[in-house]
Amino acid sequence: MFDNIRFRNTKLDIPITHSNYTYTFAHYFDDSDMLLAANSELLQGEFAIDGSSQQCIQYLTSPYAEEHLFHIHSFSILDNHKDYFTRRKKMDSYLLSITYEGSGYLEYEGRSYEILPGHCFLIDCKKPHYYKTNKDRWKHADLHFKGAFTEKIVEEFNENREYVLPWTEDGDLQRQLEKLISTYDDVIPYRDLLISNQLETLLLSLLKVSDTWHRVHKGIPENLQDLVRYMEIHYMDHLTLDFLADFSGINKYYLIRLFKKHMGISPKEYIIMQQINTAKNMLKETSLPANKIGAIVVLENENHFRHLFKERTGMSPGEFRKSE
């Protein structure tokens, strides 16, 4: 798991707490930048860190990525003993925490949860939160991230106040996470863009397997489900709003509101999303020039295609092809 990642491995013979962190960080990390980062994070609240940790080396995020993209704040794997806990608020990041062994305990938004292996939780760290080792041991991976439309995605997870989600150690989510951390740890062109794309993919994949997503999905009206299935097959046709309204039997103005409610975006944007995904696959798997690919997916005007592609992926078609 997480092979070939350059972790900073630390075994804590002296627990790090909010009262001794200046001394203990200097003891464990001969690195002034690490100490400054610790100051900014750990002063947010109370904590006791013990056991062992694998901390991914932190890299500077570009100003563009900070403003426009999903980006990683930190990633670590913690194998904590019974005294481990964190209690804080007003930390400017979101936390995805995955439990691999032992168990954890979470208090968030007025509810408490036991976090067992095969589960994870996703929270907004600006809100008050408290988590700890539940019994004697808790091995978990913590991914702090932010940026882009993270807040919107987390709102989708939390719509029904479901913060604990399924996670399989040998499944697709784990493989996506390992690919993401490998990209974060590497020195490659377009790293910020790739990280943003992979982190977004991971979050959306997690959303699809969550109980909350399934409940929302099952609540979609049948005629809207039929319409979505049709759009996913015929998105390269010229689908107008009037046609979609006639097909579904829903007034076109109400259709826009209903589609946004259940799918999160407008019908037009959903079609564009399908077209862009097809274009991405064709850029990866064929040698066709970008203008021909744009024409195939019904974005005939080359400048329009390039504009839409870069707006939604952060890369031009040529840059995307080179990155794969």
C-alpha atoms as a PDB file:
ATOM      1  CA  MET A   1       0.000   0.000   0.000  1.00  0.00           C
ATOM      2  CA  PHE A   2       1.383   3.395  -1.103  1.00  0.00           C
ATOM      3  CA  ASP A   3       4.525   1.753  -2.490  1.00  0.00           C
ATOM      4  CA  ASN A   4       7.405   4.021  -3.554  1.00  0.00           C
ATOM      5  CA  ILE A   5       6.015   7.133  -1.838  1.00  0.00           C
ATOM      6  CA  ARG A   6       8.734   9.161  -0.113  1.00  0.00           C
ATOM      7  CA  PHE A   7       7.248   9.347   3.363  1.00  0.00           C
ATOM      8  CA  ARG A   8       8.862  10.971   6.363  1.00  0.00           C
ATOM      9  CA  ASN A   9       8.629   8.096   8.877  1.00  0.00           C
ATOM     10  CA  THR A  10       8.436   8.980  12.557  1.00  0.00           C
ATOM     11  CA  LYS A  11       7.929   6.843  15.631  1.00  0.00           C
ATOM     12  CA  LEU A  12       6.841   8.958  18.573  1.00  0.00           C
ATOM     13  CA  ASP A  13       8.476   7.909  21.823  1.00  0.00           C
ATOM     14  CA  ILE A  14       7.263  11.218  23.311  1.00  0.00           C
ATOM     15  CA  PRO A  15       3.646  12.122  22.400  1.00  0.00           C
ATOM     16  CA  ILE A  16       3.175  15.501  20.715  1.00  0.00           C
ATOM     17  CA  THR A  17       0.550  17.621  22.481  1.00  0.00           C
ATOM     18  CA  HIS A  18      -0.739  21.190  22.277  1.00  0.00           C
ATOM     19  CA  SER A  19       1.338  22.048  25.349  1.00  0.00           C
ATOM     20  CA  ASN A  20       4.703  20.617  24.235  1.00  0.00           C
ATOM     21  CA  TYR A  21       4.572  20.794  20.430  1.00  0.00           C
ATOM     22  CA  THR A  22       7.368  23.397  20.079  1.00  0.00           C
ATOM     23  CA  TYR A  23       9.847  21.130  21.862  1.00  0.00           C
ATOM     24  CA  THR A  24       8.646  17.840  20.400  1.00  0.00           C
ATOM     25  CA  PHE A  25       8.511  19.019  16.783  1.00  0.00           C
ATOM     26  CA  ALA A  26      12.039  20.341  17.094  1.00  0.00           C
ATOM     27  CA  HIS A  27      12.965  16.932  18.589  1.00  0.00           C
ATOM     28  CA  TYR A  28      11.401  14.885  15.776  1.00  0.00           C
ATOM     29  CA  PHE A  29      11.825  17.180  12.783  1.00  0.00           C
ATOM     30  CA  ASP A  30      15.033  19.061  12.137  1.00  0.00           C
ATOM     31  CA  ASP A  31      13.200  21.222   9.668  1.00  0.00           C
ATOM     32  CA  SER A  32      12.137  24.816  10.295  1.00  0.00           C
ATOM     33  CA  ASP A  33       9.560  24.744   7.484  1.00  0.00           C
ATOM     34  CA  MET A  34       7.948  21.690   9.031  1.00  0.00           C
ATOM     35  CA  LEU A  35       7.826  23.452  12.389  1.00  0.00           C
ATOM     36  CA  LEU A  36       6.200  26.537  10.870  1.00  0.00           C
ATOM     37  CA  ALA A  37       3.601  24.370   9.162  1.00  0.00           C
ATOM     38  CA  ALA A  38       2.949  22.628  12.455  1.00  0.00           C
ATOM     39  CA  ASN A  39       2.510  25.953  14.213  1.00  0.00           C
ATOM     40  CA  SER A  40      -0.155  27.077  11.753  1.00  0.00           C
ATOM     41  CA  GLU A  41      -2.083  23.799  11.892  1.00  0.00           C
ATOM     42  CA  LEU A  42      -1.769  22.585  15.434  1.00  0.00           C
ATOM     43  CA  LEU A  43      -2.510  25.865  17.163  1.00  0.00           C
ATOM     44  CA  GLN A  44      -6.066  25.460  15.868  1.00  0.00           C
ATOM     45  CA  GLY A  45      -7.039  23.402  18.919  1.00  0.00           C
ATOM     46  CA  GLU A  46      -6.111  20.631  21.342  1.00  0.00           C
ATOM     47  CA  PHE A  47      -4.426  17.389  20.344  1.00  0.00           C
ATOM     48  CA  ALA A  48      -2.248  14.480  21.428  1.00  0.00           C
ATOM     49  CA  ILE A  49      -0.351  12.573  18.737  1.00  0.00           C
ATOM     50  CA  ASP A  50       1.323   9.288  19.597  1.00  0.00           C
ATOM     51  CA  GLY A  51       2.243   6.023  17.895  1.00  0.00           C
ATOM     52  CA  SER A  52       3.907   6.327  14.468  1.00  0.00           C
ATOM     53  CA  SER A  53       3.333   8.409  11.379  1.00  0.00           C
ATOM     54  CA  GLN A  54       4.216   8.476   7.710  1.00  0.00           C
ATOM     55  CA  GLN A  55       4.035  12.041   6.486  1.00  0.00           C
ATOM     56  CA  CYS A  56       4.093  12.749   2.762  1.00  0.00           C
ATOM     57  CA  ILE A  57       6.590  15.490   1.913  1.00  0.00           C
ATOM     58  CA  GLN A  58       4.657  18.724   1.464  1.00  0.00           C
ATOM     59  CA  TYR A  59       5.141  20.674  -1.737  1.00  0.00           C
ATOM     60  CA  LEU A  60       4.339  24.286  -2.490  1.00  0.00           C
ATOM     61  CA  THR A  61       1.059  24.739  -4.330  1.00  0.00           C
ATOM     62  CA  SER A  62       1.104  27.307  -7.126  1.00  0.00           C
ATOM     63  CA  PRO A  63      -0.966  30.476  -6.659  1.00  0.00           C
ATOM     64  CA  TYR A  64      -3.091  29.429  -9.658  1.00  0.00           C
ATOM     65  CA  ALA A  65      -3.850  26.043  -8.089  1.00  0.00           C
ATOM     66  CA  GLU A  66      -4.625  27.684  -4.745  1.00  0.00           C
ATOM     67  CA  GLU A  67      -7.240  29.878  -6.405  1.00  0.00           C
ATOM     68  CA  HIS A  68      -8.711  27.652  -9.124  1.00  0.00           C
ATOM     69  CA  LEU A  69      -7.953  23.945  -8.596  1.00  0.00           C
ATOM     70  CA  PHE A  70      -8.450  21.125  -6.148  1.00  0.00           C
ATOM     71  CA  HIS A  71      -5.189  20.757  -4.255  1.00  0.00           C
ATOM     72  CA  ILE A  72      -3.694  18.710  -1.437  1.00  0.00           C
ATOM     73  CA  HIS A  73      -2.888  20.383   1.857  1.00  0.00           C
ATOM     74  CA  SER A  74      -1.288  17.324   3.474  1.00  0.00           C
ATOM     75  CA  PHE A  75      -1.351  13.537   3.459  1.00  0.00           C
ATOM     76  CA  SER A  76      -0.263  11.174   6.217  1.00  0.00           C
ATOM     77  CA  ILE A  77      -0.748   7.619   7.437  1.00  0.00           C
ATOM     78  CA  LEU A  78      -1.059   7.431  11.223  1.00  0.00           C
ATOM     79  CA  ASP A  79      -0.850   4.325  13.393  1.00  0.00           C
ATOM     80  CA  ASN A  80      -2.035   5.759  16.677  1.00  0.00           C
ATOM     81  CA  HIS A  81      -2.185   4.467  20.233  1.00  0.00           C
ATOM     82  CA  LYS A  82      -5.057   4.859  22.665  1.00  0.00           C
ATOM     83  CA  ASP A  83      -4.263   8.446  23.772  1.00  0.00           C
ATOM     84  CA  TYR A  84      -4.417   9.988  20.309  1.00  0.00           C
ATOM     85  CA  PHE A  85      -7.025  12.720  19.743  1.00  0.00           C
ATOM     86  CA  THR A  86      -7.656  15.965  17.860  1.00  0.00           C
ATOM     87  CA  ARG A  87     -10.186  18.629  18.867  1.00  0.00           C
ATOM     88  CA  ARG A  88     -10.295  21.809  16.801  1.00  0.00           C
ATOM     89  CA  LYS A  89     -12.234  24.154  14.483  1.00  0.00           C
ATOM     90  CA  LYS A  90     -11.596  26.948  11.983  1.00  0.00           C
ATOM     91  CA  MET A  91      -8.967  24.971  10.076  1.00  0.00           C
ATOM     92  CA  ASP A  92      -9.170  25.944   6.413  1.00  0.00           C
ATOM     93  CA  SER A  93      -9.323  22.507   4.782  1.00  0.00           C
ATOM     94  CA  TYR A  94     -11.496  19.444   4.303  1.00  0.00           C
ATOM     95  CA  LEU A  95     -10.498  16.058   5.718  1.00  0.00           C
ATOM     96  CA  LEU A  96     -10.980  12.629   4.184  1.00  0.00           C
ATOM     97  CA  SER A  97      -9.909  10.061   6.801  1.00  0.00           C
ATOM     98  CA  ILE A  98      -9.796   6.347   5.903  1.00  0.00           C
ATOM     99  CA  THR A  99      -9.614   3.656   8.603  1.00  0.00           C
ATOM    100  CA  TYR A 100      -7.522   0.564   7.792  1.00  0.00           C
ATOM    101  CA  GLU A 101      -7.054  -1.125  11.180  1.00  0.00           C
ATOM    102  CA  GLY A 102      -8.381  -0.699  14.716  1.00  0.00           C
ATOM    103  CA  SER A 103     -11.127   1.868  15.148  1.00  0.00           C
ATOM    104  CA  GLY A 104     -11.659   5.583  15.562  1.00  0.00           C
ATOM    105  CA  TYR A 105     -14.327   7.777  17.097  1.00  0.00           C
ATOM    106  CA  LEU A 106     -15.740  10.966  15.545  1.00  0.00           C
ATOM    107  CA  GLU A 107     -17.907  13.770  16.937  1.00  0.00           C
ATOM    108  CA  TYR A 108     -19.177  16.172  14.268  1.00  0.00           C
ATOM    109  CA  GLU A 109     -22.302  18.245  13.694  1.00  0.00           C
ATOM    110  CA  GLY A 110     -23.890  17.091  16.946  1.00  0.00           C
ATOM    111  CA  ARG A 111     -23.517  13.352  16.275  1.00  0.00           C
ATOM    112  CA  SER A 112     -20.970  10.680  17.194  1.00  0.00           C
ATOM    113  CA  TYR A 113     -19.693   7.749  15.140  1.00  0.00           C
ATOM    114  CA  GLU A 114     -17.485   4.700  15.536  1.00  0.00           C
ATOM    115  CA  ILE A 115     -15.194   4.475  12.492  1.00  0.00           C
ATOM    116  CA  LEU A 116     -14.309   0.871  11.658  1.00  0.00           C
ATOM    117  CA  PRO A 117     -12.013  -0.601   8.972  1.00  0.00           C
ATOM    118  CA  GLY A 118     -13.677  -0.356   5.589  1.00  0.00           C
ATOM    119  CA  HIS A 119     -15.083   3.097   6.342  1.00  0.00           C
ATOM    120  CA  CYS A 120     -13.991   6.694   6.033  1.00  0.00           C
ATOM    121  CA  PHE A 121     -15.319  10.081   7.014  1.00  0.00           C
ATOM    122  CA  LEU A 122     -15.374  13.390   5.187  1.00  0.00           C
ATOM    123  CA  ILE A 123     -15.690  16.634   7.161  1.00  0.00           C
ATOM    124  CA  ASP A 124     -15.254  20.382   6.858  1.00  0.00           C
ATOM    125  CA  CYS A 125     -12.478  21.259   9.309  1.00  0.00           C
ATOM    126  CA  LYS A 126     -13.726  24.809   9.674  1.00  0.00           C
ATOM    127  CA  LYS A 127     -16.569  23.351  11.737  1.00  0.00           C
ATOM    128  CA  PRO A 128     -15.929  22.068  15.302  1.00  0.00           C
ATOM    129  CA  HIS A 129     -14.809  18.444  15.237  1.00  0.00           C
ATOM    130  CA  TYR A 130     -13.286  15.863  17.552  1.00  0.00           C
ATOM    131  CA  TYR A 131     -11.806  12.486  16.683  1.00  0.00           C
ATOM    132  CA  LYS A 132      -9.692   9.989  18.573  1.00  0.00           C
ATOM    133  CA  THR A 133      -8.544   6.384  18.844  1.00  0.00           C
ATOM    134  CA  ASN A 134     -11.606   4.430  19.893  1.00  0.00           C
ATOM    135  CA  LYS A 135      -9.875   1.635  21.825  1.00  0.00           C
ATOM    136  CA  ASP A 136      -6.194   0.720  21.761  1.00  0.00           C
ATOM    137  CA  ARG A 137      -5.195   1.373  18.151  1.00  0.00           C
ATOM    138  CA  TRP A 138      -6.316   3.308  15.111  1.00  0.00           C
ATOM    139  CA  LYS A 139      -4.471   3.108  11.789  1.00  0.00           C
ATOM    140  CA  HIS A 140      -5.840   5.632   9.342  1.00  0.00           C
ATOM    141  CA  ALA A 141      -4.855   7.793   6.378  1.00  0.00           C
ATOM    142  CA  ASP A 142      -5.667  11.509   6.539  1.00  0.00           C
ATOM    143  CA  LEU A 143      -5.973  13.568   3.367  1.00  0.00           C
ATOM    144  CA  HIS A 144      -6.435  17.308   3.922  1.00  0.00           C
ATOM    145  CA  PHE A 145      -7.447  19.157   0.760  1.00  0.00           C
ATOM    146  CA  LYS A 146      -9.345  22.177  -0.496  1.00  0.00           C
ATOM    147  CA  GLY A 147      -9.938  24.347  -3.541  1.00  0.00           C
ATOM    148  CA  ALA A 148     -12.156  24.514  -6.644  1.00  0.00           C
ATOM    149  CA  PHE A 149     -15.778  23.545  -5.816  1.00  0.00           C
ATOM    150  CA  THR A 150     -14.914  21.332  -2.838  1.00  0.00           C
ATOM    151  CA  GLU A 151     -17.597  22.992  -0.735  1.00  0.00           C
ATOM    152  CA  LYS A 152     -20.286  22.025  -3.256  1.00  0.00           C
ATOM    153  CA  ILE A 153     -19.134  18.380  -3.342  1.00  0.00           C
ATOM    154  CA  VAL A 154     -19.022  18.131   0.453  1.00  0.00           C
ATOM    155  CA  GLU A 155     -22.532  19.619   0.602  1.00  0.00           C
ATOM    156  CA  GLU A 156     -23.698  16.736  -1.601  1.00  0.00           C
ATOM    157  CA  PHE A 157     -22.179  14.205   0.807  1.00  0.00           C
ATOM    158  CA  ASN A 158     -23.636  15.924   3.830  1.00  0.00           C
ATOM    159  CA  GLU A 159     -27.127  16.657   2.489  1.00  0.00           C
ATOM    160  CA  ASN A 160     -28.599  13.960   4.730  1.00  0.00           C
ATOM    161  CA  ARG A 161     -26.017  14.410   7.492  1.00  0.00           C
ATOM    162  CA  GLU A 162     -24.164  11.272   6.426  1.00  0.00           C
ATOM    163  CA  TYR A 163     -20.505  11.789   7.191  1.00  0.00           C
ATOM    164  CA  VAL A 164     -19.294   8.179   7.450  1.00  0.00           C
ATOM    165  CA  LEU A 165     -18.918   6.498   4.067  1.00  0.00           C
ATOM    166  CA  PRO A 166     -17.891   3.065   2.733  1.00  0.00           C
ATOM    167  CA  TRP A 167     -14.283   2.416   1.702  1.00  0.00           C
ATOM    168  CA  THR A 168     -12.729  -0.854   0.518  1.00  0.00           C
ATOM    169  CA  GLU A 169      -8.968  -1.227   0.949  1.00  0.00           C
ATOM    170  CA  ASP A 170      -8.568  -3.313  -2.200  1.00  0.00           C
ATOM    171  CA  GLY A 171     -11.146  -1.409  -4.279  1.00  0.00           C
ATOM    172  CA  ASP A 172     -11.201   1.366  -6.879  1.00  0.00           C
ATOM    173  CA  LEU A 173     -11.264   4.167  -4.306  1.00  0.00           C
ATOM    174  CA  GLN A 174      -8.024   2.966  -2.731  1.00  0.00           C
ATOM    175  CA  ARG A 175      -6.385   2.642  -6.160  1.00  0.00           C
ATOM    176  CA  GLN A 176      -7.474   6.169  -7.045  1.00  0.00           C
ATOM    177  CA  LEU A 177      -6.093   7.488  -3.760  1.00  0.00           C
ATOM    178  CA  GLU A 178      -2.739   5.770  -4.304  1.00  0.00           C
ATOM    179  CA  LYS A 179      -2.536   7.162  -7.845  1.00  0.00           C
ATOM    180  CA  LEU A 180      -3.303  10.637  -6.485  1.00  0.00           C
ATOM    181  CA  ILE A 181      -0.600  10.472  -3.811  1.00  0.00           C
ATOM    182  CA  SER A 182       1.896   9.070  -6.310  1.00  0.00           C
ATOM    183  CA  THR A 183       1.233  12.078  -8.563  1.00  0.00           C
ATOM    184  CA  TYR A 184       1.556  14.438  -5.599  1.00  0.00           C
ATOM    185  CA  ASP A 185       4.897  12.851  -4.682  1.00  0.00           C
ATOM    186  CA  ASP A 186       6.290  12.963  -8.230  1.00  0.00           C
ATOM    187  CA  VAL A 187       8.007  15.790 -10.112  1.00  0.00           C
ATOM    188  CA  ILE A 188       6.214  15.887 -13.452  1.00  0.00           C
ATOM    189  CA  PRO A 189       4.784  18.441 -15.901  1.00  0.00           C
ATOM    190  CA  TYR A 190       1.261  19.702 -15.131  1.00  0.00           C
ATOM    191  CA  ARG A 191       1.377  18.184 -11.658  1.00  0.00           C
ATOM    192  CA  ASP A 192      -1.085  20.712 -10.182  1.00  0.00           C
ATOM    193  CA  LEU A 193      -3.550  20.037 -12.993  1.00  0.00           C
ATOM    194  CA  LEU A 194      -3.226  16.277 -12.692  1.00  0.00           C
ATOM    195  CA  ILE A 195      -3.659  16.407  -8.916  1.00  0.00           C
ATOM    196  CA  SER A 196      -6.801  18.502  -9.329  1.00  0.00           C
ATOM    197  CA  ASN A 197      -8.253  16.116 -11.903  1.00  0.00           C
ATOM    198  CA  GLN A 198      -7.455  12.993  -9.869  1.00  0.00           C
ATOM    199  CA  LEU A 199      -8.716  14.470  -6.594  1.00  0.00           C
ATOM    200  CA  GLU A 200     -11.981  15.517  -8.228  1.00  0.00           C
ATOM    201  CA  THR A 201     -12.352  12.011  -9.696  1.00  0.00           C
ATOM    202  CA  LEU A 202     -11.746  10.435  -6.290  1.00  0.00           C
ATOM    203  CA  LEU A 203     -14.349  12.622  -4.584  1.00  0.00           C
ATOM    204  CA  LEU A 204     -16.956  11.999  -7.256  1.00  0.00           C
ATOM    205  CA  SER A 205     -16.286   8.254  -7.140  1.00  0.00           C
ATOM    206  CA  LEU A 206     -16.757   8.310  -3.386  1.00  0.00           C
ATOM    207  CA  LEU A 207     -19.969  10.276  -3.817  1.00  0.00           C
ATOM    208  CA  LYS A 208     -21.358   7.622  -6.156  1.00  0.00           C
ATOM    209  CA  VAL A 209     -20.823   4.777  -3.701  1.00  0.00           C
ATOM    210  CA  SER A 210     -22.108   6.614  -0.660  1.00  0.00           C
ATOM    211  CA  ASP A 211     -25.467   5.804   0.916  1.00  0.00           C
ATOM    212  CA  THR A 212     -26.458   9.441   0.531  1.00  0.00           C
ATOM    213  CA  TRP A 213     -25.897   9.308  -3.223  1.00  0.00           C
ATOM    214  CA  HIS A 214     -27.916   6.111  -3.582  1.00  0.00           C
ATOM    215  CA  ARG A 215     -30.849   7.605  -1.672  1.00  0.00           C
ATOM    216  CA  VAL A 216     -30.818  10.757  -3.798  1.00  0.00           C
ATOM    217  CA  HIS A 217     -30.439   8.702  -6.978  1.00  0.00           C
ATOM    218  CA  LYS A 218     -33.405   6.494  -6.125  1.00  0.00           C
ATOM    219  CA  GLY A 219     -35.489   9.615  -5.607  1.00  0.00           C
ATOM    220  CA  ILE A 220     -35.073  10.771  -9.235  1.00  0.00           C
ATOM    221  CA  PRO A 221     -38.449  10.720 -11.069  1.00  0.00           C
ATOM    222  CA  GLU A 222     -38.716   7.880 -13.584  1.00  0.00           C
ATOM    223  CA  ASN A 223     -39.227  10.146 -16.608  1.00  0.00           C
ATOM    224  CA  LEU A 224     -36.105  12.109 -15.639  1.00  0.00           C
ATOM    225  CA  GLN A 225     -34.139   8.854 -15.279  1.00  0.00           C
ATOM    226  CA  ASP A 226     -35.284   7.861 -18.792  1.00  0.00           C
ATOM    227  CA  LEU A 227     -34.180  11.252 -20.095  1.00  0.00           C
ATOM    228  CA  VAL A 228     -30.731  10.982 -18.482  1.00  0.00           C
ATOM    229  CA  ARG A 229     -30.252   7.508 -19.992  1.00  0.00           C
ATOM    230  CA  TYR A 230     -31.216   8.884 -23.413  1.00  0.00           C
ATOM    231  CA  MET A 231     -28.818  11.829 -23.054  1.00  0.00           C
ATOM    232  CA  GLU A 232     -25.965   9.510 -22.076  1.00  0.00           C
ATOM    233  CA  ILE A 233     -26.436   7.612 -25.363  1.00  0.00           C
ATOM    234  CA  HIS A 234     -27.330  10.480 -27.721  1.00  0.00           C
ATOM    235  CA  TYR A 235     -25.218  13.327 -26.304  1.00  0.00           C
ATOM    236  CA  MET A 236     -23.420  13.658 -29.670  1.00  0.00           C
ATOM    237  CA  ASP A 237     -26.720  14.510 -31.363  1.00  0.00           C
ATOM    238  CA  HIS A 238     -28.008  18.071 -31.455  1.00  0.00           C
ATOM    239  CA  LEU A 239     -30.178  17.884 -28.321  1.00  0.00           C
ATOM    240  CA  THR A 240     -32.120  21.098 -27.748  1.00  0.00           C
ATOM    241  CA  LEU A 241     -33.927  21.985 -24.547  1.00  0.00           C
ATOM    242  CA  ASP A 242     -37.253  21.866 -26.420  1.00  0.00           C
ATOM    243  CA  PHE A 243     -36.495  18.311 -27.592  1.00  0.00           C
ATOM    244  CA  LEU A 244     -35.510  17.199 -24.073  1.00  0.00           C
ATOM    245  CA  ALA A 245     -38.718  18.706 -22.674  1.00  0.00           C
ATOM    246  CA  ASP A 246     -40.847  16.911 -25.293  1.00  0.00           C
ATOM    247  CA  PHE A 247     -39.013  13.624 -24.697  1.00  0.00           C
ATOM    248  CA  SER A 248     -39.504  13.732 -20.932  1.00  0.00           C
ATOM    249  CA  GLY A 249     -42.954  15.316 -20.932  1.00  0.00           C
ATOM    250  CA  ILE A 250     -41.704  18.017 -18.543  1.00  0.00           C
ATOM    251  CA  ASN A 251     -42.112  21.753 -19.087  1.00  0.00           C
ATOM    252  CA  LYS A 252     -38.688  23.012 -20.215  1.00  0.00           C
ATOM    253  CA  TYR A 253     -38.385  25.642 -17.479  1.00  0.00           C
ATOM    254  CA  TYR A 254     -39.362  23.155 -14.782  1.00  0.00           C
ATOM    255  CA  LEU A 255     -37.024  20.599 -16.406  1.00  0.00           C
ATOM    256  CA  ILE A 256     -34.030  22.870 -15.823  1.00  0.00           C
ATOM    257  CA  ARG A 257     -34.893  23.232 -12.104  1.00  0.00           C
ATOM    258  CA  LEU A 258     -35.640  19.502 -11.694  1.00  0.00           C
ATOM    259  CA  PHE A 259     -32.469  18.451 -13.522  1.00  0.00           C
ATOM    260  CA  LYS A 260     -30.312  20.742 -11.384  1.00  0.00           C
ATOM    261  CA  LYS A 261     -31.957  19.455  -8.213  1.00  0.00           C
ATOM    262  CA  HIS A 262     -31.204  15.793  -8.925  1.00  0.00           C
ATOM    263  CA  MET A 263     -28.108  15.943 -11.162  1.00  0.00           C
ATOM    264  CA  GLY A 264     -26.437  19.041  -9.728  1.00  0.00           C
ATOM    265  CA  ILE A 265     -26.050  20.771 -13.116  1.00  0.00           C
ATOM    266  CA  SER A 266     -28.231  21.958 -16.006  1.00  0.00           C
ATOM    267  CA  PRO A 267     -29.175  19.676 -18.927  1.00  0.00           C
ATOM    268  CA  LYS A 268     -26.887  21.680 -21.233  1.00  0.00           C
ATOM    269  CA  GLU A 269     -23.932  21.339 -18.856  1.00  0.00           C
ATOM    270  CA  TYR A 270     -24.609  17.607 -18.468  1.00  0.00           C
ATOM    271  CA  ILE A 271     -24.389  17.156 -22.243  1.00  0.00           C
ATOM    272  CA  ILE A 272     -21.170  19.182 -22.387  1.00  0.00           C
ATOM    273  CA  MET A 273     -19.734  17.042 -19.563  1.00  0.00           C
ATOM    274  CA  GLN A 274     -20.459  13.874 -21.571  1.00  0.00           C
ATOM    275  CA  GLN A 275     -18.900  15.416 -24.682  1.00  0.00           C
ATOM    276  CA  ILE A 276     -15.768  16.518 -22.827  1.00  0.00           C
ATOM    277  CA  ASN A 277     -15.343  13.058 -21.271  1.00  0.00           C
ATOM    278  CA  THR A 278     -15.584  11.472 -24.721  1.00  0.00           C
ATOM    279  CA  ALA A 279     -13.067  13.970 -26.070  1.00  0.00           C
ATOM    280  CA  LYS A 280     -10.675  13.116 -23.223  1.00  0.00           C
ATOM    281  CA  ASN A 281     -10.914   9.403 -24.048  1.00  0.00           C
ATOM    282  CA  MET A 282     -10.314  10.080 -27.748  1.00  0.00           C
ATOM    283  CA  LEU A 283      -7.300  12.262 -26.970  1.00  0.00           C
ATOM    284  CA  LYS A 284      -5.859   9.406 -24.896  1.00  0.00           C
ATOM    285  CA  GLU A 285      -6.701   6.544 -27.217  1.00  0.00           C
ATOM    286  CA  THR A 286      -6.440   7.985 -30.758  1.00  0.00           C
ATOM    287  CA  SER A 287      -4.106  10.198 -32.774  1.00  0.00           C
ATOM    288  CA  LEU A 288      -6.932  12.283 -34.240  1.00  0.00           C
ATOM    289  CA  PRO A 289      -6.274  16.047 -34.158  1.00  0.00           C
ATOM    290  CA  ALA A 290      -8.220  18.091 -31.647  1.00  0.00           C
ATOM    291  CA  ASN A 291     -10.367  19.865 -34.250  1.00  0.00           C
ATOM    292  CA  LYS A 292     -11.663  16.527 -35.618  1.00  0.00           C
ATOM    293  CA  ILE A 293     -12.375  15.262 -32.112  1.00  0.00           C
ATOM    294  CA  GLY A 294     -14.307  18.452 -31.382  1.00  0.00           C
ATOM    295  CA  ALA A 295     -16.374  17.935 -34.528  1.00  0.00           C
ATOM    296  CA  ILE A 296     -17.109  14.305 -33.637  1.00  0.00           C
ATOM    297  CA  VAL A 297     -18.452  15.211 -30.193  1.00  0.00           C
ATOM    298  CA  VAL A 298     -20.551  18.027 -31.708  1.00  0.00           C
ATOM    299  CA  LEU A 299     -18.394  20.914 -30.582  1.00  0.00           C
ATOM    300  CA  GLU A 300     -17.748  21.824 -34.220  1.00  0.00           C
ATOM    301  CA  ASN A 301     -16.113  25.202 -33.742  1.00  0.00           C
ATOM    302  CA  GLU A 302     -12.468  24.481 -32.876  1.00  0.00           C
ATOM    303  CA  ASN A 303     -11.993  27.598 -30.740  1.00  0.00           C
ATOM    304  CA  HIS A 304     -15.206  26.840 -28.839  1.00  0.00           C
ATOM    305  CA  PHE A 305     -14.066  23.257 -28.240  1.00  0.00           C
ATOM    306  CA  ARG A 306     -10.636  24.322 -26.998  1.00  0.00           C
ATOM    307  CA  HIS A 307     -12.197  26.956 -24.724  1.00  0.00           C
ATOM    308  CA  LEU A 308     -14.691  24.517 -23.187  1.00  0.00           C
ATOM    309  CA  PHE A 309     -12.089  21.789 -22.790  1.00  0.00           C
ATOM    310  CA  LYS A 310      -9.605  24.041 -20.982  1.00  0.00           C
ATOM    311  CA  GLU A 311     -12.338  25.621 -18.846  1.00  0.00           C
ATOM    312  CA  ARG A 312     -13.428  22.203 -17.543  1.00  0.00           C
ATOM    313  CA  THR A 313     -10.117  20.322 -17.346  1.00  0.00           C
ATOM    314  CA  GLY A 314      -7.592  23.076 -16.680  1.00  0.00           C
ATOM    315  CA  MET A 315      -5.593  21.998 -19.758  1.00  0.00           C
ATOM    316  CA  SER A 316      -5.756  22.521 -23.487  1.00  0.00           C
ATOM    317  CA  PRO A 317      -6.478  19.377 -25.556  1.00  0.00           C
ATOM    318  CA  GLY A 318      -2.788  19.228 -26.527  1.00  0.00           C
ATOM    319  CA  GLU A 319      -1.600  19.551 -22.926  1.00  0.00           C
ATOM    320  CA  PHE A 320      -4.060  16.865 -21.819  1.00  0.00           C
ATOM    321  CA  ARG A 321      -2.840  14.462 -24.519  1.00  0.00           C
ATOM    322  CA  LYS A 322       0.804  14.974 -23.488  1.00  0.00           C
ATOM    323  CA  SER A 323      -0.030  14.425 -19.800  1.00  0.00           C
ATOM    324  CA  GLU A 324      -1.497  10.959 -20.346  1.00  0.00           C
END
